[in-house]
Amino acid sequence: MDSLKIAYKVWLDCNGKAFGEGPDRLLQRVETTGSLHRAAADMKMSYRKAWVMLQTMERRLGFTLLERKVGGVSGGGSRLTPEARDFMKRYEAFRRDVEGSLQEICRKHFG
């Protein structure tokens, strides 16, 4: 038998999917690009899908994730709120802990 490895997806749920790997990547791209539109395009996702995802996350989590600046002469943009940055740090630490635990459980049962 080839070497087994574990594959999984983990997300946080609050009356439906509230946050997971995809939303985390989207917000990381917003942080990098300064724009929800550019972040969505980088991920080959429609802006509408990204916007709906953002609204759903904010509603389910109960706090604002992005500070938005409407376009104009200097252009618009988005940046993460301090709450979003803190939440993402905690989510990423949680994911690392889950991965380590699952790897350990897999080794226990399958060598």
Protein backbone atom coordinates (compact mmCIF):
# COMPACT_ATOMS: atom_id res chain seq x y z
CA MET A 1 0.00 0.00 0.00
CA ASP A 2 1.26 3.47 -0.86
CA SER A 3 1.75 5.95 1.95
CA LEU A 4 -1.63 7.12 3.21
CA LYS A 5 -2.24 10.74 3.99
CA ILE A 6 -5.28 12.49 5.28
CA ALA A 7 -7.39 14.86 3.19
CA TYR A 8 -10.01 17.08 4.78
CA LYS A 9 -11.80 20.41 4.72
CA VAL A 10 -12.60 22.33 7.86
CA TRP A 11 -14.81 25.37 8.28
CA LEU A 12 -16.65 27.24 10.99
CA ASP A 13 -20.42 27.06 10.91
CA CYS A 14 -22.97 29.45 12.38
CA ASN A 15 -26.40 28.82 10.84
CA GLY A 16 -24.53 27.76 7.70
CA LYS A 17 -20.92 28.03 6.57
CA ALA A 18 -19.49 31.14 8.18
CA PHE A 19 -15.76 30.87 7.42
CA GLY A 20 -13.35 28.43 5.83
CA GLU A 21 -10.33 28.08 3.59
CA GLY A 22 -11.88 29.82 0.56
CA PRO A 23 -13.05 32.89 2.46
CA ASP A 24 -9.70 33.02 4.26
CA ARG A 25 -7.86 33.03 0.92
CA LEU A 26 -10.21 35.70 -0.44
CA LEU A 27 -9.54 37.99 2.52
CA GLN A 28 -5.79 37.36 2.27
CA ARG A 29 -5.98 38.48 -1.39
CA VAL A 30 -7.96 41.59 -0.39
CA GLU A 31 -5.19 42.41 2.08
CA THR A 32 -2.59 42.01 -0.69
CA THR A 33 -4.45 43.80 -3.50
CA GLY A 34 -6.46 46.38 -1.54
CA SER A 35 -9.55 45.45 -3.53
CA LEU A 36 -12.32 42.87 -3.28
CA HIS A 37 -12.75 43.10 -7.05
CA ARG A 38 -9.06 42.34 -7.74
CA ALA A 39 -8.99 39.63 -5.08
CA ALA A 40 -11.96 37.90 -6.71
CA ALA A 41 -10.40 38.21 -10.17
CA ASP A 42 -7.11 36.74 -8.88
CA MET A 43 -9.07 33.73 -7.62
CA LYS A 44 -11.01 33.46 -10.90
CA MET A 45 -14.22 34.22 -9.00
CA SER A 46 -16.92 36.65 -10.06
CA TYR A 47 -17.11 39.89 -8.09
CA ARG A 48 -20.77 39.14 -7.36
CA LYS A 49 -19.89 35.76 -5.81
CA ALA A 50 -17.16 37.39 -3.69
CA TRP A 51 -19.55 40.16 -2.59
CA VAL A 52 -22.28 37.68 -1.61
CA MET A 53 -19.69 35.53 0.22
CA LEU A 54 -18.46 38.58 2.13
CA GLN A 55 -21.98 39.66 3.11
CA THR A 56 -22.85 36.13 4.23
CA MET A 57 -19.67 35.85 6.32
CA GLU A 58 -20.26 39.20 7.99
CA ARG A 59 -23.88 38.34 8.79
CA ARG A 60 -23.02 34.91 10.22
CA LEU A 61 -19.92 36.02 12.14
CA GLY A 62 -21.60 39.15 13.47
CA PHE A 63 -18.91 41.68 12.61
CA THR A 64 -17.57 43.67 9.66
CA LEU A 65 -14.63 42.15 7.80
CA LEU A 66 -13.81 44.91 5.31
CA GLU A 67 -13.57 48.67 5.47
CA ARG A 68 -14.74 49.83 2.06
CA LYS A 69 -13.85 53.03 0.26
CA VAL A 70 -16.15 53.93 -2.63
CA GLY A 71 -14.39 54.85 -5.89
CA GLY A 72 -13.81 58.37 -7.03
CA VAL A 73 -10.89 60.40 -8.30
CA SER A 74 -8.44 58.39 -6.21
CA GLY A 75 -10.32 55.14 -6.78
CA GLY A 76 -11.99 52.84 -4.29
CA GLY A 77 -10.65 49.95 -2.32
CA SER A 78 -11.05 47.68 0.64
CA ARG A 79 -8.96 46.73 3.63
CA LEU A 80 -9.41 44.28 6.46
CA THR A 81 -10.85 45.51 9.72
CA PRO A 82 -8.81 44.88 12.87
CA GLU A 83 -11.46 42.31 13.87
CA ALA A 84 -10.98 40.50 10.55
CA ARG A 85 -7.19 40.38 10.98
CA ASP A 86 -7.54 39.00 14.50
CA PHE A 87 -10.15 36.44 13.42
CA MET A 88 -8.01 35.27 10.49
CA LYS A 89 -4.96 34.80 12.76
CA ARG A 90 -7.04 32.71 15.15
CA TYR A 91 -8.61 30.71 12.28
CA GLU A 92 -5.20 29.97 10.74
CA ALA A 93 -3.83 28.83 14.13
CA PHE A 94 -6.94 26.68 14.58
CA ARG A 95 -6.40 25.10 11.14
CA ARG A 96 -2.76 24.30 11.98
CA ASP A 97 -3.86 22.65 15.24
CA VAL A 98 -6.57 20.65 13.43
CA GLU A 99 -4.07 19.51 10.81
CA GLY A 100 -1.55 18.40 13.43
CA SER A 101 -4.19 16.55 15.41
CA LEU A 102 -5.60 14.81 12.33
CA GLN A 103 -2.11 13.78 11.18
CA GLU A 104 -1.45 12.31 14.63
CA ILE A 105 -4.75 10.41 14.62
CA CYS A 106 -4.07 9.11 11.11
CA ARG A 107 -0.62 7.83 12.15
CA LYS A 108 -2.16 6.18 15.24
CA HIS A 109 -4.63 4.22 13.15
CA PHE A 110 -2.73 3.62 9.92
CA GLY A 111 0.93 3.84 10.87
